[in-house]
Structures are given as structure tokens and as C-alpha cells.
Full PDB file with SEQRES, HELIX, SHEET, SSBOND, CRYST1, ORIGX, SCALE, CONECT and MASTER records, all heavy atoms in Angstrom:
SEQRES   1 A   33  LEU PRO CYS VAL SER ALA ALA THR ARG ALA GLN PHE GLY          
SEQRES   2 A   33  ALA GLY ASP PRO ALA PHE VAL LEU TYR ASP GLY LEU ALA          
SEQRES   3 A   33  VAL GLU PRO GLU ARG LEU GLY                                  
HELIX    1 AA1 ALA A    6  ARG A    9  1                                   4    
SHEET    1 AA1 2 PRO A   2  CYS A   3  0                                        
SHEET    2 AA1 2 PHE A  19  VAL A  20  1                                        
CRYST1    1.000    1.000    1.000  90.00  90.00  90.00 P 1           1          
ORIGX1      1.000000  0.000000  0.000000        0.00000                         
ORIGX2      0.000000  1.000000  0.000000        0.00000                         
ORIGX3      0.000000  0.000000  1.000000        0.00000                         
SCALE1      1.000000  0.000000  0.000000        0.00000                         
SCALE2      0.000000  1.000000  0.000000        0.00000                         
SCALE3      0.000000  0.000000  1.000000        0.00000                         
ATOM      1  N   LEU A   1      96.543  82.924 115.069  1.00  0.00           N  
ATOM      2  CA  LEU A   1      97.002  82.777 113.688  1.00  0.00           C  
ATOM      3  C   LEU A   1      96.518  83.966 112.861  1.00  0.00           C  
ATOM      4  O   LEU A   1      95.536  83.855 112.114  1.00  0.00           O  
ATOM      5  CB  LEU A   1      96.454  81.487 113.082  1.00  0.00           C  
ATOM      6  CG  LEU A   1      97.184  80.175 113.335  1.00  0.00           C  
ATOM      7  CD1 LEU A   1      96.404  79.020 112.707  1.00  0.00           C  
ATOM      8  CD2 LEU A   1      98.593  80.219 112.777  1.00  0.00           C  
ATOM      9  N   PRO A   2      97.138  85.131 112.994  1.00  0.00           N  
ATOM     10  CA  PRO A   2      96.742  86.245 112.137  1.00  0.00           C  
ATOM     11  C   PRO A   2      97.081  85.937 110.681  1.00  0.00           C  
ATOM     12  O   PRO A   2      98.196  85.519 110.369  1.00  0.00           O  
ATOM     13  CB  PRO A   2      97.567  87.419 112.672  1.00  0.00           C  
ATOM     14  CG  PRO A   2      98.716  86.788 113.389  1.00  0.00           C  
ATOM     15  CD  PRO A   2      98.238  85.486 113.917  1.00  0.00           C  
ATOM     16  N   CYS A   3      96.126  86.146 109.787  1.00  0.00           N  
ATOM     17  CA  CYS A   3      96.285  85.887 108.354  1.00  0.00           C  
ATOM     18  C   CYS A   3      96.167  87.211 107.599  1.00  0.00           C  
ATOM     19  O   CYS A   3      95.299  88.021 107.909  1.00  0.00           O  
ATOM     20  CB  CYS A   3      95.219  84.913 107.861  1.00  0.00           C  
ATOM     21  SG  CYS A   3      95.247  83.292 108.675  1.00  0.00           S  
ATOM     22  N   VAL A   4      97.009  87.394 106.591  1.00  0.00           N  
ATOM     23  CA  VAL A   4      97.091  88.698 105.944  1.00  0.00           C  
ATOM     24  C   VAL A   4      95.918  88.987 105.009  1.00  0.00           C  
ATOM     25  O   VAL A   4      95.812  90.102 104.493  1.00  0.00           O  
ATOM     26  CB  VAL A   4      98.418  88.855 105.174  1.00  0.00           C  
ATOM     27  CG1 VAL A   4      99.590  88.866 106.139  1.00  0.00           C  
ATOM     28  CG2 VAL A   4      98.581  87.760 104.127  1.00  0.00           C  
ATOM     29  N   SER A   5      95.043  88.011 104.785  1.00  0.00           N  
ATOM     30  CA  SER A   5      93.860  88.243 103.946  1.00  0.00           C  
ATOM     31  C   SER A   5      92.839  87.161 104.236  1.00  0.00           C  
ATOM     32  O   SER A   5      93.156  86.118 104.832  1.00  0.00           O  
ATOM     33  CB  SER A   5      94.235  88.220 102.459  1.00  0.00           C  
ATOM     34  OG  SER A   5      94.729  86.936 102.086  1.00  0.00           O  
ATOM     35  N   ALA A   6      91.617  87.392 103.793  1.00  0.00           N  
ATOM     36  CA  ALA A   6      90.580  86.374 103.945  1.00  0.00           C  
ATOM     37  C   ALA A   6      90.903  85.151 103.103  1.00  0.00           C  
ATOM     38  O   ALA A   6      90.575  84.023 103.476  1.00  0.00           O  
ATOM     39  CB  ALA A   6      89.231  86.955 103.553  1.00  0.00           C  
ATOM     40  N   ALA A   7      91.555  85.364 101.951  1.00  0.00           N  
ATOM     41  CA  ALA A   7      91.968  84.234 101.122  1.00  0.00           C  
ATOM     42  C   ALA A   7      92.977  83.365 101.861  1.00  0.00           C  
ATOM     43  O   ALA A   7      92.961  82.137 101.720  1.00  0.00           O  
ATOM     44  CB  ALA A   7      92.567  84.745  99.808  1.00  0.00           C  
ATOM     45  N   THR A   8      93.825  83.968 102.646  1.00  0.00           N  
ATOM     46  CA  THR A   8      94.786  83.217 103.450  1.00  0.00           C  
ATOM     47  C   THR A   8      94.069  82.509 104.592  1.00  0.00           C  
ATOM     48  O   THR A   8      94.347  81.341 104.901  1.00  0.00           O  
ATOM     49  CB  THR A   8      95.861  84.164 103.995  1.00  0.00           C  
ATOM     50  OG1 THR A   8      96.406  84.928 102.914  1.00  0.00           O  
ATOM     51  CG2 THR A   8      96.984  83.399 104.656  1.00  0.00           C  
ATOM     52  N   ARG A   9      93.115  83.181 105.225  1.00  0.00           N  
ATOM     53  CA  ARG A   9      92.349  82.586 106.324  1.00  0.00           C  
ATOM     54  C   ARG A   9      91.532  81.380 105.854  1.00  0.00           C  
ATOM     55  O   ARG A   9      91.309  80.440 106.628  1.00  0.00           O  
ATOM     56  CB  ARG A   9      91.400  83.645 106.912  1.00  0.00           C  
ATOM     57  CG  ARG A   9      90.340  83.129 107.883  1.00  0.00           C  
ATOM     58  CD  ARG A   9      90.962  82.552 109.127  1.00  0.00           C  
ATOM     59  NE  ARG A   9      89.978  81.982 110.049  1.00  0.00           N  
ATOM     60  CZ  ARG A   9      89.522  80.720 110.013  1.00  0.00           C  
ATOM     61  NH1 ARG A   9      89.923  79.900 109.049  1.00  0.00           N  
ATOM     62  NH2 ARG A   9      88.678  80.287 110.922  1.00  0.00           N  
ATOM     63  N   ALA A  10      91.127  81.364 104.591  1.00  0.00           N  
ATOM     64  CA  ALA A  10      90.261  80.309 104.082  1.00  0.00           C  
ATOM     65  C   ALA A  10      90.927  78.936 104.085  1.00  0.00           C  
ATOM     66  O   ALA A  10      90.242  77.920 103.931  1.00  0.00           O  
ATOM     67  CB  ALA A  10      89.807  80.659 102.664  1.00  0.00           C  
ATOM     68  N   GLN A  11      92.252  78.887 104.263  1.00  0.00           N  
ATOM     69  CA  GLN A  11      92.950  77.603 104.322  1.00  0.00           C  
ATOM     70  C   GLN A  11      92.659  76.842 105.612  1.00  0.00           C  
ATOM     71  O   GLN A  11      92.909  75.647 105.688  1.00  0.00           O  
ATOM     72  CB  GLN A  11      94.467  77.818 104.264  1.00  0.00           C  
ATOM     73  CG  GLN A  11      94.959  78.551 103.043  1.00  0.00           C  
ATOM     74  CD  GLN A  11      96.435  78.861 103.175  1.00  0.00           C  
ATOM     75  OE1 GLN A  11      97.255  78.267 102.492  1.00  0.00           O  
ATOM     76  NE2 GLN A  11      96.789  79.774 104.052  1.00  0.00           N  
ATOM     77  N   PHE A  12      92.135  77.537 106.622  1.00  0.00           N  
ATOM     78  CA  PHE A  12      91.984  76.959 107.950  1.00  0.00           C  
ATOM     79  C   PHE A  12      90.524  76.645 108.242  1.00  0.00           C  
ATOM     80  O   PHE A  12      89.608  77.182 107.613  1.00  0.00           O  
ATOM     81  CB  PHE A  12      92.557  77.920 108.997  1.00  0.00           C  
ATOM     82  CG  PHE A  12      94.031  78.162 108.829  1.00  0.00           C  
ATOM     83  CD1 PHE A  12      94.494  79.265 108.125  1.00  0.00           C  
ATOM     84  CD2 PHE A  12      94.952  77.271 109.351  1.00  0.00           C  
ATOM     85  CE1 PHE A  12      95.844  79.475 107.952  1.00  0.00           C  
ATOM     86  CE2 PHE A  12      96.302  77.473 109.182  1.00  0.00           C  
ATOM     87  CZ  PHE A  12      96.763  78.576 108.479  1.00  0.00           C  
ATOM     88  N   GLY A  13      90.323  75.781 109.225  1.00  0.00           N  
ATOM     89  CA  GLY A  13      88.982  75.393 109.606  1.00  0.00           C  
ATOM     90  C   GLY A  13      88.355  76.355 110.592  1.00  0.00           C  
ATOM     91  O   GLY A  13      89.021  77.238 111.152  1.00  0.00           O  
ATOM     92  N   ALA A  14      87.072  76.148 110.828  1.00  0.00           N  
ATOM     93  CA  ALA A  14      86.332  77.037 111.722  1.00  0.00           C  
ATOM     94  C   ALA A  14      86.869  76.991 113.144  1.00  0.00           C  
ATOM     95  O   ALA A  14      86.808  77.981 113.876  1.00  0.00           O  
ATOM     96  CB  ALA A  14      84.851  76.660 111.702  1.00  0.00           C  
ATOM     97  N   GLY A  15      87.416  75.864 113.563  1.00  0.00           N  
ATOM     98  CA  GLY A  15      87.907  75.760 114.928  1.00  0.00           C  
ATOM     99  C   GLY A  15      89.335  76.211 115.129  1.00  0.00           C  
ATOM    100  O   GLY A  15      89.830  76.229 116.265  1.00  0.00           O  
ATOM    101  N   ASP A  16      90.031  76.581 114.054  1.00  0.00           N  
ATOM    102  CA  ASP A  16      91.422  77.025 114.171  1.00  0.00           C  
ATOM    103  C   ASP A  16      91.478  78.467 114.678  1.00  0.00           C  
ATOM    104  O   ASP A  16      90.563  79.261 114.430  1.00  0.00           O  
ATOM    105  CB  ASP A  16      92.123  76.930 112.816  1.00  0.00           C  
ATOM    106  CG  ASP A  16      92.263  75.494 112.332  1.00  0.00           C  
ATOM    107  OD1 ASP A  16      92.296  74.593 113.185  1.00  0.00           O  
ATOM    108  OD2 ASP A  16      92.333  75.279 111.111  1.00  0.00           O  
ATOM    109  N   PRO A  17      92.563  78.829 115.384  1.00  0.00           N  
ATOM    110  CA  PRO A  17      92.665  80.200 115.937  1.00  0.00           C  
ATOM    111  C   PRO A  17      93.103  81.227 114.892  1.00  0.00           C  
ATOM    112  O   PRO A  17      93.925  82.095 115.162  1.00  0.00           O  
ATOM    113  CB  PRO A  17      93.721  80.032 117.030  1.00  0.00           C  
ATOM    114  CG  PRO A  17      94.616  78.961 116.517  1.00  0.00           C  
ATOM    115  CD  PRO A  17      93.719  77.998 115.774  1.00  0.00           C  
ATOM    116  N   ALA A  18      92.546  81.136 113.685  1.00  0.00           N  
ATOM    117  CA  ALA A  18      92.944  82.000 112.578  1.00  0.00           C  
ATOM    118  C   ALA A  18      91.942  83.132 112.395  1.00  0.00           C  
ATOM    119  O   ALA A  18      90.736  82.948 112.565  1.00  0.00           O  
ATOM    120  CB  ALA A  18      93.058  81.186 111.290  1.00  0.00           C  
ATOM    121  N   PHE A  19      92.449  84.295 112.049  1.00  0.00           N  
ATOM    122  CA  PHE A  19      91.599  85.455 111.793  1.00  0.00           C  
ATOM    123  C   PHE A  19      92.350  86.376 110.835  1.00  0.00           C  
ATOM    124  O   PHE A  19      93.561  86.235 110.618  1.00  0.00           O  
ATOM    125  CB  PHE A  19      91.280  86.201 113.094  1.00  0.00           C  
ATOM    126  CG  PHE A  19      92.483  86.775 113.790  1.00  0.00           C  
ATOM    127  CD1 PHE A  19      92.820  88.113 113.640  1.00  0.00           C  
ATOM    128  CD2 PHE A  19      93.303  85.972 114.585  1.00  0.00           C  
ATOM    129  CE1 PHE A  19      93.943  88.645 114.267  1.00  0.00           C  
ATOM    130  CE2 PHE A  19      94.412  86.489 115.214  1.00  0.00           C  
ATOM    131  CZ  PHE A  19      94.738  87.829 115.058  1.00  0.00           C  
ATOM    132  N   VAL A  20      91.641  87.311 110.238  1.00  0.00           N  
ATOM    133  CA  VAL A  20      92.237  88.214 109.256  1.00  0.00           C  
ATOM    134  C   VAL A  20      92.835  89.426 109.960  1.00  0.00           C  
ATOM    135  O   VAL A  20      92.166  90.105 110.747  1.00  0.00           O  
ATOM    136  CB  VAL A  20      91.193  88.670 108.217  1.00  0.00           C  
ATOM    137  CG1 VAL A  20      91.811  89.685 107.248  1.00  0.00           C  
ATOM    138  CG2 VAL A  20      90.644  87.467 107.451  1.00  0.00           C  
ATOM    139  N   LEU A  21      94.104  89.685 109.676  1.00  0.00           N  
ATOM    140  CA  LEU A  21      94.792  90.895 110.133  1.00  0.00           C  
ATOM    141  C   LEU A  21      95.531  91.446 108.918  1.00  0.00           C  
ATOM    142  O   LEU A  21      96.622  90.999 108.587  1.00  0.00           O  
ATOM    143  CB  LEU A  21      95.770  90.578 111.267  1.00  0.00           C  
ATOM    144  CG  LEU A  21      96.600  91.755 111.788  1.00  0.00           C  
ATOM    145  CD1 LEU A  21      95.699  92.856 112.331  1.00  0.00           C  
ATOM    146  CD2 LEU A  21      97.574  91.298 112.860  1.00  0.00           C  
ATOM    147  N   TYR A  22      94.883  92.385 108.240  1.00  0.00           N  
ATOM    148  CA  TYR A  22      95.456  92.903 106.999  1.00  0.00           C  
ATOM    149  C   TYR A  22      96.780  93.615 107.258  1.00  0.00           C  
ATOM    150  O   TYR A  22      96.937  94.323 108.252  1.00  0.00           O  
ATOM    151  CB  TYR A  22      94.494  93.878 106.330  1.00  0.00           C  
ATOM    152  CG  TYR A  22      93.309  93.234 105.663  1.00  0.00           C  
ATOM    153  CD1 TYR A  22      92.016  93.499 106.114  1.00  0.00           C  
ATOM    154  CD2 TYR A  22      93.472  92.376 104.585  1.00  0.00           C  
ATOM    155  CE1 TYR A  22      90.911  92.918 105.486  1.00  0.00           C  
ATOM    156  CE2 TYR A  22      92.372  91.794 103.969  1.00  0.00           C  
ATOM    157  CZ  TYR A  22      91.106  92.062 104.424  1.00  0.00           C  
ATOM    158  OH  TYR A  22      90.022  91.481 103.819  1.00  0.00           O  
ATOM    159  N   ASP A  23      97.716  93.420 106.335  1.00  0.00           N  
ATOM    160  CA  ASP A  23      98.944  94.200 106.382  1.00  0.00           C  
ATOM    161  C   ASP A  23      98.628  95.672 106.157  1.00  0.00           C  
ATOM    162  O   ASP A  23      97.626  96.019 105.508  1.00  0.00           O  
ATOM    163  CB  ASP A  23      99.926  93.730 105.307  1.00  0.00           C  
ATOM    164  CG  ASP A  23     100.792  92.580 105.776  1.00  0.00           C  
ATOM    165  OD1 ASP A  23     100.810  92.309 106.992  1.00  0.00           O  
ATOM    166  OD2 ASP A  23     101.460  91.954 104.934  1.00  0.00           O  
ATOM    167  N   GLY A  24      99.503  96.530 106.664  1.00  0.00           N  
ATOM    168  CA  GLY A  24      99.387  97.962 106.406  1.00  0.00           C  
ATOM    169  C   GLY A  24     100.524  98.423 105.522  1.00  0.00           C  
ATOM    170  O   GLY A  24     101.468  97.682 105.238  1.00  0.00           O  
ATOM    171  N   LEU A  25     100.441  99.644 105.084  1.00  0.00           N  
ATOM    172  CA  LEU A  25     101.499 100.215 104.245  1.00  0.00           C  
ATOM    173  C   LEU A  25     102.779 100.363 105.063  1.00  0.00           C  
ATOM    174  O   LEU A  25     102.812 101.092 106.054  1.00  0.00           O  
ATOM    175  CB  LEU A  25     101.064 101.574 103.711  1.00  0.00           C  
ATOM    176  CG  LEU A  25     100.094 101.534 102.533  1.00  0.00           C  
ATOM    177  CD1 LEU A  25      99.441 102.902 102.352  1.00  0.00           C  
ATOM    178  CD2 LEU A  25     100.830 101.119 101.275  1.00  0.00           C  
ATOM    179  N   ALA A  26     103.812  99.665 104.648  1.00  0.00           N  
ATOM    180  CA  ALA A  26     105.064  99.703 105.395  1.00  0.00           C  
ATOM    181  C   ALA A  26     105.852 100.976 105.116  1.00  0.00           C  
ATOM    182  O   ALA A  26     106.595 101.459 105.967  1.00  0.00           O  
ATOM    183  CB  ALA A  26     105.920  98.483 105.045  1.00  0.00           C  
ATOM    184  N   VAL A  27     105.706 101.512 103.917  1.00  0.00           N  
ATOM    185  CA  VAL A  27     106.465 102.705 103.529  1.00  0.00           C  
ATOM    186  C   VAL A  27     105.523 103.705 102.882  1.00  0.00           C  
ATOM    187  O   VAL A  27     104.500 103.339 102.295  1.00  0.00           O  
ATOM    188  CB  VAL A  27     107.602 102.366 102.546  1.00  0.00           C  
ATOM    189  CG1 VAL A  27     108.626 101.459 103.216  1.00  0.00           C  
ATOM    190  CG2 VAL A  27     107.071 101.706 101.289  1.00  0.00           C  
ATOM    191  N   GLU A  28     105.871 104.955 102.984  1.00  0.00           N  
ATOM    192  CA  GLU A  28     105.126 106.008 102.304  1.00  0.00           C  
ATOM    193  C   GLU A  28     105.595 106.051 100.853  1.00  0.00           C  
ATOM    194  O   GLU A  28     106.785 106.217 100.584  1.00  0.00           O  
ATOM    195  CB  GLU A  28     105.378 107.360 102.966  1.00  0.00           C  
ATOM    196  CG  GLU A  28     104.655 108.522 102.326  1.00  0.00           C  
ATOM    197  CD  GLU A  28     103.133 108.421 102.463  1.00  0.00           C  
ATOM    198  OE1 GLU A  28     102.661 107.743 103.403  1.00  0.00           O  
ATOM    199  OE2 GLU A  28     102.427 109.026 101.626  1.00  0.00           O  
ATOM    200  N   PRO A  29     104.692 105.852  99.882  1.00  0.00           N  
ATOM    201  CA  PRO A  29     105.116 105.846  98.479  1.00  0.00           C  
ATOM    202  C   PRO A  29     105.786 107.154  98.082  1.00  0.00           C  
ATOM    203  O   PRO A  29     105.386 108.237  98.512  1.00  0.00           O  
ATOM    204  CB  PRO A  29     103.793 105.660  97.723  1.00  0.00           C  
ATOM    205  CG  PRO A  29     102.876 105.025  98.705  1.00  0.00           C  
ATOM    206  CD  PRO A  29     103.260 105.589 100.040  1.00  0.00           C  
ATOM    207  N   GLU A  30     106.824 107.007  97.273  1.00  0.00           N  
ATOM    208  CA  GLU A  30     107.522 108.195  96.780  1.00  0.00           C  
ATOM    209  C   GLU A  30     106.632 108.962  95.807  1.00  0.00           C  
ATOM    210  O   GLU A  30     105.807 108.381  95.107  1.00  0.00           O  
ATOM    211  CB  GLU A  30     108.804 107.789  96.044  1.00  0.00           C  
ATOM    212  CG  GLU A  30     109.876 107.211  96.934  1.00  0.00           C  
ATOM    213  CD  GLU A  30     111.138 106.936  96.150  1.00  0.00           C  
ATOM    214  OE1 GLU A  30     111.243 105.846  95.588  1.00  0.00           O  
ATOM    215  OE2 GLU A  30     112.012 107.822  96.099  1.00  0.00           O  
ATOM    216  N   ARG A  31     106.840 110.242  95.789  1.00  0.00           N  
ATOM    217  CA  ARG A  31     106.112 111.083  94.838  1.00  0.00           C  
ATOM    218  C   ARG A  31     107.123 111.652  93.845  1.00  0.00           C  
ATOM    219  O   ARG A  31     107.735 112.690  94.075  1.00  0.00           O  
ATOM    220  CB  ARG A  31     105.363 112.192  95.575  1.00  0.00           C  
ATOM    221  CG  ARG A  31     104.293 111.664  96.528  1.00  0.00           C  
ATOM    222  CD  ARG A  31     103.441 112.778  97.092  1.00  0.00           C  
ATOM    223  NE  ARG A  31     102.415 112.276  97.984  1.00  0.00           N  
ATOM    224  CZ  ARG A  31     101.239 111.790  97.588  1.00  0.00           C  
ATOM    225  NH1 ARG A  31     100.965 111.749  96.302  1.00  0.00           N  
ATOM    226  NH2 ARG A  31     100.354 111.349  98.464  1.00  0.00           N  
ATOM    227  N   LEU A  32     107.295 110.932  92.752  1.00  0.00           N  
ATOM    228  CA  LEU A  32     108.232 111.331  91.709  1.00  0.00           C  
ATOM    229  C   LEU A  32     107.473 111.673  90.437  1.00  0.00           C  
ATOM    230  O   LEU A  32     106.426 111.092  90.152  1.00  0.00           O  
ATOM    231  CB  LEU A  32     109.215 110.202  91.413  1.00  0.00           C  
ATOM    232  CG  LEU A  32     110.119 109.739  92.557  1.00  0.00           C  
ATOM    233  CD1 LEU A  32     110.900 108.506  92.126  1.00  0.00           C  
ATOM    234  CD2 LEU A  32     111.077 110.844  92.955  1.00  0.00           C  
ATOM    235  N   GLY A  33     108.018 112.590  89.671  1.00  0.00           N  
ATOM    236  CA  GLY A  33     107.438 112.873  88.368  1.00  0.00           C  
ATOM    237  C   GLY A  33     107.765 111.765  87.389  1.00  0.00           C  
ATOM    238  O   GLY A  33     108.822 111.137  87.473  1.00  0.00           O  
TER     239      GLY A  33                                                      
MASTER        0    0    0    1    2    0    0    6  238    1    0    3          
END                                                                             
């Protein structure tokens, strides 16, 4: 059960197969003036 944050992981109990797997940047931010 990968969870996108510790706040998301906190919904589960100690015995659940949940752990934190942070999302990464999906896109490179544009550099506009």
C-alpha cells in the first residue's frame, strides 16, 4: 500500500502493508516571463 504522504499513511494501522512513497515531479515546470 504505497501512500503519497505520511498524512495519507496515518490512516492505516501498524500491521497494514502501508508505507510512504512520495510522488515525484511529473512534468518539468515551464520557465515563462
